[in-house]
């Protein structure tokens, strides 16, 4: 709920609530696709966290980078890129990542950050 009311400007950004949101991100690192074939391994909490970060131009510090450990292995490269666009190892880059998350905050990534795609 914090995410929605903050992204839609119903309430102002609150550092305390932001910290609580981060602390409650679900760990999907061991999600079993075979056991749960009709569920997704995507960690929507981390997608939403990135929307908050880009909307409010927040720093991606170690606490945020450590959220990669809560991701299913299939998602880690994408978030590693998203959290470190300027210094990412582009040998692992997948072009579809640019379209993967269609929030307006992720769409507005500064084009200078994408200079390494050429």
N, C-alpha and C. Protein backbone atom coordinates (compact mmCIF):
# COMPACT_ATOMS: atom_id res chain seq x y z
N UNK A 1 0.82 -1.19 0.00
CA UNK A 1 0.00 0.00 0.00
C UNK A 1 0.87 1.26 0.00
N UNK A 2 1.98 1.22 0.76
CA UNK A 2 2.89 2.37 0.79
C UNK A 2 3.30 2.75 -0.62
N UNK A 3 3.61 1.73 -1.41
CA UNK A 3 4.06 1.98 -2.77
C UNK A 3 3.03 2.77 -3.56
N UNK A 4 1.81 2.29 -3.56
CA UNK A 4 0.75 2.94 -4.35
C UNK A 4 0.49 4.37 -3.92
N UNK A 5 0.35 4.60 -2.64
CA UNK A 5 0.02 5.95 -2.19
C UNK A 5 1.18 6.90 -2.36
N UNK A 6 2.41 6.37 -2.39
CA UNK A 6 3.57 7.23 -2.63
C UNK A 6 3.74 7.51 -4.13
N UNK A 7 3.63 6.48 -4.94
CA UNK A 7 3.79 6.68 -6.38
C UNK A 7 2.71 7.57 -6.97
N UNK A 8 1.51 7.51 -6.41
CA UNK A 8 0.40 8.35 -6.92
C UNK A 8 0.29 9.68 -6.18
N UNK A 9 1.31 10.02 -5.42
CA UNK A 9 1.39 11.31 -4.72
C UNK A 9 0.23 11.56 -3.76
N UNK A 10 -0.31 10.50 -3.19
CA UNK A 10 -1.36 10.65 -2.17
C UNK A 10 -0.71 11.06 -0.86
N UNK A 11 0.48 10.50 -0.59
CA UNK A 11 1.27 10.94 0.55
C UNK A 11 2.66 11.29 0.05
N UNK A 12 3.37 12.08 0.83
CA UNK A 12 4.75 12.44 0.49
C UNK A 12 5.67 11.27 0.80
N UNK A 13 6.83 11.28 0.17
CA UNK A 13 7.84 10.26 0.46
C UNK A 13 8.19 10.33 1.94
N UNK A 14 8.27 9.18 2.58
CA UNK A 14 8.58 9.09 4.00
C UNK A 14 9.71 8.09 4.20
N UNK A 15 10.84 8.55 4.69
CA UNK A 15 12.02 7.71 4.87
C UNK A 15 11.75 6.51 5.77
N UNK A 16 10.99 6.71 6.83
CA UNK A 16 10.68 5.61 7.76
C UNK A 16 9.84 4.53 7.07
N UNK A 17 8.79 4.93 6.35
CA UNK A 17 7.95 3.97 5.65
C UNK A 17 8.72 3.28 4.52
N UNK A 18 9.59 4.02 3.87
CA UNK A 18 10.44 3.46 2.82
C UNK A 18 11.33 2.34 3.40
N UNK A 19 11.91 2.60 4.56
CA UNK A 19 12.75 1.60 5.22
C UNK A 19 11.95 0.36 5.60
N UNK A 20 10.72 0.57 6.07
CA UNK A 20 9.86 -0.57 6.41
C UNK A 20 9.52 -1.37 5.16
N UNK A 21 9.26 -0.67 4.06
CA UNK A 21 8.96 -1.35 2.79
C UNK A 21 10.13 -2.25 2.39
N UNK A 22 11.34 -1.71 2.47
CA UNK A 22 12.52 -2.48 2.10
C UNK A 22 12.67 -3.71 3.00
N UNK A 23 12.43 -3.53 4.28
CA UNK A 23 12.61 -4.64 5.23
C UNK A 23 11.59 -5.76 5.03
N UNK A 24 10.50 -5.46 4.34
CA UNK A 24 9.45 -6.46 4.15
C UNK A 24 9.45 -7.07 2.73
N UNK A 25 10.49 -6.81 1.97
CA UNK A 25 10.57 -7.39 0.62
C UNK A 25 10.70 -8.90 0.74
N UNK A 26 9.87 -9.59 -0.01
CA UNK A 26 9.81 -11.05 0.04
C UNK A 26 11.04 -11.65 -0.64
N UNK A 27 11.58 -12.71 -0.04
CA UNK A 27 12.72 -13.41 -0.62
C UNK A 27 12.21 -14.47 -1.60
N UNK A 28 12.49 -14.25 -2.88
CA UNK A 28 12.05 -15.18 -3.94
C UNK A 28 13.24 -15.96 -4.51
N UNK A 29 14.38 -15.91 -3.84
CA UNK A 29 15.59 -16.51 -4.38
C UNK A 29 15.51 -18.01 -4.55
N UNK A 30 14.70 -18.67 -3.73
CA UNK A 30 14.58 -20.13 -3.82
C UNK A 30 13.23 -20.57 -4.37
N UNK A 31 12.58 -19.72 -5.12
CA UNK A 31 11.27 -20.06 -5.66
C UNK A 31 11.39 -21.29 -6.57
N UNK A 32 10.54 -22.25 -6.36
CA UNK A 32 10.57 -23.51 -7.10
C UNK A 32 9.54 -23.48 -8.23
N UNK A 33 10.02 -23.26 -9.45
CA UNK A 33 9.13 -23.17 -10.62
C UNK A 33 8.44 -24.50 -10.93
N UNK A 34 9.08 -25.58 -10.59
CA UNK A 34 8.49 -26.89 -10.85
C UNK A 34 7.33 -27.15 -9.89
N UNK A 35 7.53 -26.81 -8.64
CA UNK A 35 6.49 -27.02 -7.63
C UNK A 35 5.30 -26.08 -7.82
N UNK A 36 5.57 -24.88 -8.31
CA UNK A 36 4.52 -23.87 -8.50
C UNK A 36 4.52 -23.36 -9.95
N UNK A 37 4.12 -24.21 -10.90
CA UNK A 37 4.24 -23.83 -12.32
C UNK A 37 3.31 -22.69 -12.76
N UNK A 38 2.28 -22.40 -12.00
CA UNK A 38 1.35 -21.34 -12.41
C UNK A 38 1.55 -20.05 -11.63
N UNK A 39 2.67 -19.94 -10.95
CA UNK A 39 3.02 -18.72 -10.22
C UNK A 39 4.28 -18.14 -10.85
N UNK A 40 4.51 -16.90 -10.61
CA UNK A 40 5.69 -16.25 -11.18
C UNK A 40 6.80 -16.13 -10.15
N UNK A 41 8.02 -16.23 -10.63
CA UNK A 41 9.18 -16.05 -9.77
C UNK A 41 9.55 -14.57 -9.66
N UNK A 42 8.89 -13.71 -10.42
CA UNK A 42 9.23 -12.29 -10.39
C UNK A 42 8.97 -11.71 -9.01
N UNK A 43 9.93 -10.97 -8.52
CA UNK A 43 9.80 -10.33 -7.23
C UNK A 43 9.25 -8.92 -7.45
N UNK A 44 7.94 -8.80 -7.43
CA UNK A 44 7.30 -7.51 -7.71
C UNK A 44 7.67 -6.45 -6.67
N UNK A 45 8.03 -6.88 -5.47
CA UNK A 45 8.46 -5.92 -4.45
C UNK A 45 9.69 -5.15 -4.92
N UNK A 46 10.62 -5.83 -5.57
CA UNK A 46 11.84 -5.17 -6.03
C UNK A 46 11.56 -4.29 -7.26
N UNK A 47 10.67 -4.74 -8.14
CA UNK A 47 10.25 -3.88 -9.26
C UNK A 47 9.67 -2.57 -8.70
N UNK A 48 8.82 -2.70 -7.71
CA UNK A 48 8.19 -1.52 -7.11
C UNK A 48 9.20 -0.65 -6.39
N UNK A 49 10.15 -1.27 -5.73
CA UNK A 49 11.21 -0.52 -5.06
C UNK A 49 11.96 0.33 -6.07
N UNK A 50 12.25 -0.24 -7.24
CA UNK A 50 12.98 0.52 -8.25
C UNK A 50 12.16 1.70 -8.77
N UNK A 51 10.85 1.55 -8.85
CA UNK A 51 10.00 2.68 -9.24
C UNK A 51 10.10 3.81 -8.24
N UNK A 52 10.07 3.48 -6.97
CA UNK A 52 10.22 4.49 -5.91
C UNK A 52 11.59 5.18 -6.03
N UNK A 53 12.63 4.38 -6.22
CA UNK A 53 13.99 4.92 -6.32
C UNK A 53 14.10 5.89 -7.49
N UNK A 54 13.58 5.50 -8.66
CA UNK A 54 13.70 6.38 -9.82
C UNK A 54 12.77 7.58 -9.72
N UNK A 55 11.59 7.41 -9.15
CA UNK A 55 10.67 8.56 -9.02
C UNK A 55 11.29 9.65 -8.15
N UNK A 56 11.87 9.25 -7.02
CA UNK A 56 12.39 10.23 -6.07
C UNK A 56 13.90 10.43 -6.19
N UNK A 57 14.51 9.85 -7.23
CA UNK A 57 15.94 10.00 -7.47
C UNK A 57 16.74 9.65 -6.22
N UNK A 58 16.44 8.49 -5.65
CA UNK A 58 17.11 8.05 -4.43
C UNK A 58 18.41 7.33 -4.76
N UNK A 59 19.31 7.35 -3.82
CA UNK A 59 20.60 6.70 -3.98
C UNK A 59 20.42 5.18 -3.91
N UNK A 60 21.10 4.47 -4.79
CA UNK A 60 21.11 3.01 -4.74
C UNK A 60 22.35 2.61 -3.94
N UNK A 61 22.12 2.38 -2.66
CA UNK A 61 23.22 2.05 -1.75
C UNK A 61 23.30 0.54 -1.53
N UNK A 62 24.16 0.12 -0.62
CA UNK A 62 24.35 -1.31 -0.36
C UNK A 62 23.07 -1.99 0.12
N UNK A 63 22.27 -1.28 0.91
CA UNK A 63 21.00 -1.86 1.38
C UNK A 63 20.10 -2.20 0.19
N UNK A 64 20.09 -1.35 -0.81
CA UNK A 64 19.28 -1.59 -2.01
C UNK A 64 19.93 -2.69 -2.85
N UNK A 65 21.22 -2.59 -3.07
CA UNK A 65 21.91 -3.62 -3.88
C UNK A 65 21.75 -5.01 -3.27
N UNK A 66 21.69 -5.10 -1.97
CA UNK A 66 21.54 -6.40 -1.32
C UNK A 66 20.18 -7.04 -1.59
N UNK A 67 19.23 -6.26 -2.08
CA UNK A 67 17.93 -6.83 -2.42
C UNK A 67 18.04 -7.81 -3.60
N UNK A 68 19.14 -7.71 -4.37
CA UNK A 68 19.36 -8.66 -5.46
C UNK A 68 19.39 -10.09 -4.93
N UNK A 69 19.85 -10.25 -3.68
CA UNK A 69 19.90 -11.59 -3.09
C UNK A 69 18.51 -12.18 -2.87
N UNK A 70 17.47 -11.35 -2.88
CA UNK A 70 16.10 -11.82 -2.69
C UNK A 70 15.41 -12.16 -4.01
N UNK A 71 16.15 -12.03 -5.10
CA UNK A 71 15.59 -12.28 -6.42
C UNK A 71 15.86 -13.70 -6.87
N UNK A 72 14.97 -14.21 -7.69
CA UNK A 72 15.19 -15.49 -8.35
C UNK A 72 16.42 -15.31 -9.25
N UNK A 73 17.27 -16.31 -9.38
CA UNK A 73 18.47 -16.16 -10.22
C UNK A 73 18.21 -15.66 -11.64
N UNK A 74 17.04 -15.96 -12.20
CA UNK A 74 16.72 -15.50 -13.56
C UNK A 74 16.53 -13.99 -13.64
N UNK A 75 16.34 -13.34 -12.52
CA UNK A 75 16.12 -11.88 -12.52
C UNK A 75 17.33 -11.08 -12.10
N UNK A 76 18.33 -11.71 -11.59
CA UNK A 76 19.45 -10.98 -10.98
C UNK A 76 20.23 -10.11 -11.95
N UNK A 77 20.49 -10.61 -13.16
CA UNK A 77 21.25 -9.80 -14.13
C UNK A 77 20.49 -8.53 -14.50
N UNK A 78 19.18 -8.65 -14.68
CA UNK A 78 18.37 -7.47 -15.01
C UNK A 78 18.48 -6.39 -13.93
N UNK A 79 18.32 -6.78 -12.68
CA UNK A 79 18.38 -5.80 -11.60
C UNK A 79 19.79 -5.32 -11.34
N UNK A 80 20.77 -6.16 -11.60
CA UNK A 80 22.16 -5.72 -11.50
C UNK A 80 22.39 -4.60 -12.51
N UNK A 81 21.85 -4.76 -13.73
CA UNK A 81 21.96 -3.70 -14.74
C UNK A 81 21.19 -2.45 -14.30
N UNK A 82 19.96 -2.63 -13.86
CA UNK A 82 19.10 -1.51 -13.50
C UNK A 82 19.69 -0.69 -12.35
N UNK A 83 20.39 -1.34 -11.46
CA UNK A 83 20.98 -0.66 -10.31
C UNK A 83 22.35 -0.08 -10.61
N UNK A 84 22.90 -0.39 -11.77
CA UNK A 84 24.25 0.05 -12.08
C UNK A 84 24.43 0.22 -13.59
N UNK A 85 23.56 1.02 -14.19
CA UNK A 85 23.53 1.17 -15.64
C UNK A 85 24.87 1.66 -16.21
N UNK A 86 25.48 2.61 -15.55
CA UNK A 86 26.71 3.20 -16.09
C UNK A 86 27.91 2.26 -16.05
N UNK A 87 27.96 1.36 -15.08
CA UNK A 87 29.13 0.51 -14.92
C UNK A 87 28.83 -0.98 -15.10
N UNK A 88 27.71 -1.28 -15.71
CA UNK A 88 27.31 -2.68 -15.88
C UNK A 88 28.21 -3.40 -16.89
N UNK A 89 28.42 -4.69 -16.69
CA UNK A 89 29.15 -5.52 -17.65
C UNK A 89 28.19 -5.85 -18.80
N UNK A 90 28.27 -5.09 -19.86
CA UNK A 90 27.30 -5.19 -20.95
C UNK A 90 27.41 -6.47 -21.78
N UNK A 91 28.35 -7.32 -21.48
CA UNK A 91 28.41 -8.61 -22.18
C UNK A 91 27.22 -9.49 -21.79
N UNK A 92 26.58 -9.20 -20.67
CA UNK A 92 25.42 -9.95 -20.20
C UNK A 92 24.10 -9.26 -20.55
N UNK A 93 24.16 -8.10 -21.17
CA UNK A 93 22.96 -7.29 -21.40
C UNK A 93 22.00 -7.97 -22.38
N UNK A 94 20.71 -7.87 -22.07
CA UNK A 94 19.64 -8.37 -22.94
C UNK A 94 18.79 -7.16 -23.36
N UNK A 95 18.64 -6.93 -24.65
CA UNK A 95 17.96 -5.74 -25.15
C UNK A 95 16.52 -5.62 -24.64
N UNK A 96 15.85 -6.73 -24.41
CA UNK A 96 14.45 -6.66 -23.95
C UNK A 96 14.33 -6.05 -22.55
N UNK A 97 15.42 -5.93 -21.82
CA UNK A 97 15.35 -5.34 -20.49
C UNK A 97 14.83 -3.91 -20.54
N UNK A 98 15.12 -3.21 -21.62
CA UNK A 98 14.68 -1.82 -21.74
C UNK A 98 13.16 -1.74 -21.67
N UNK A 99 12.47 -2.74 -22.18
CA UNK A 99 11.01 -2.76 -22.21
C UNK A 99 10.39 -3.55 -21.07
N UNK A 100 11.20 -4.18 -20.26
CA UNK A 100 10.70 -5.13 -19.26
C UNK A 100 9.76 -4.51 -18.24
N UNK A 101 10.10 -3.40 -17.71
CA UNK A 101 9.27 -2.78 -16.69
C UNK A 101 8.74 -1.46 -17.24
N UNK A 102 7.46 -1.39 -17.44
CA UNK A 102 6.87 -0.27 -18.16
C UNK A 102 6.29 0.82 -17.26
N UNK A 103 6.92 1.10 -16.13
CA UNK A 103 6.44 2.23 -15.34
C UNK A 103 7.05 3.51 -15.91
N UNK A 104 6.38 4.61 -15.72
CA UNK A 104 6.90 5.86 -16.29
C UNK A 104 8.22 6.25 -15.66
N UNK A 105 8.49 5.81 -14.44
CA UNK A 105 9.74 6.17 -13.78
C UNK A 105 10.92 5.42 -14.37
N UNK A 106 10.70 4.17 -14.74
CA UNK A 106 11.77 3.42 -15.37
C UNK A 106 11.91 3.79 -16.84
N UNK A 107 10.83 4.20 -17.47
CA UNK A 107 10.90 4.64 -18.86
C UNK A 107 11.70 5.93 -18.98
N UNK A 108 11.72 6.73 -17.94
CA UNK A 108 12.38 8.03 -17.99
C UNK A 108 13.85 7.97 -17.62
N UNK A 109 14.44 6.79 -17.67
CA UNK A 109 15.87 6.71 -17.42
C UNK A 109 16.58 7.66 -18.37
N UNK A 110 17.47 8.42 -17.84
CA UNK A 110 18.19 9.39 -18.64
C UNK A 110 18.95 8.68 -19.76
N UNK A 111 18.82 9.16 -20.98
CA UNK A 111 19.46 8.50 -22.12
C UNK A 111 20.97 8.45 -21.97
N UNK A 112 21.54 9.37 -21.23
CA UNK A 112 23.00 9.30 -21.03
C UNK A 112 23.37 8.05 -20.26
N UNK A 113 22.45 7.53 -19.45
CA UNK A 113 22.71 6.30 -18.73
C UNK A 113 22.74 5.09 -19.65
N UNK A 114 22.15 5.23 -20.81
CA UNK A 114 22.06 4.11 -21.75
C UNK A 114 23.13 4.21 -22.85
N UNK A 115 24.11 5.08 -22.68
CA UNK A 115 25.13 5.29 -23.71
C UNK A 115 25.93 4.03 -24.02
N UNK A 116 26.02 3.15 -23.06
CA UNK A 116 26.80 1.92 -23.26
C UNK A 116 26.12 0.91 -24.16
N UNK A 117 24.91 1.15 -24.57
CA UNK A 117 24.21 0.21 -25.42
C UNK A 117 24.71 0.25 -26.86
N UNK A 118 25.38 1.32 -27.24
CA UNK A 118 25.87 1.43 -28.62
C UNK A 118 27.06 0.53 -28.85
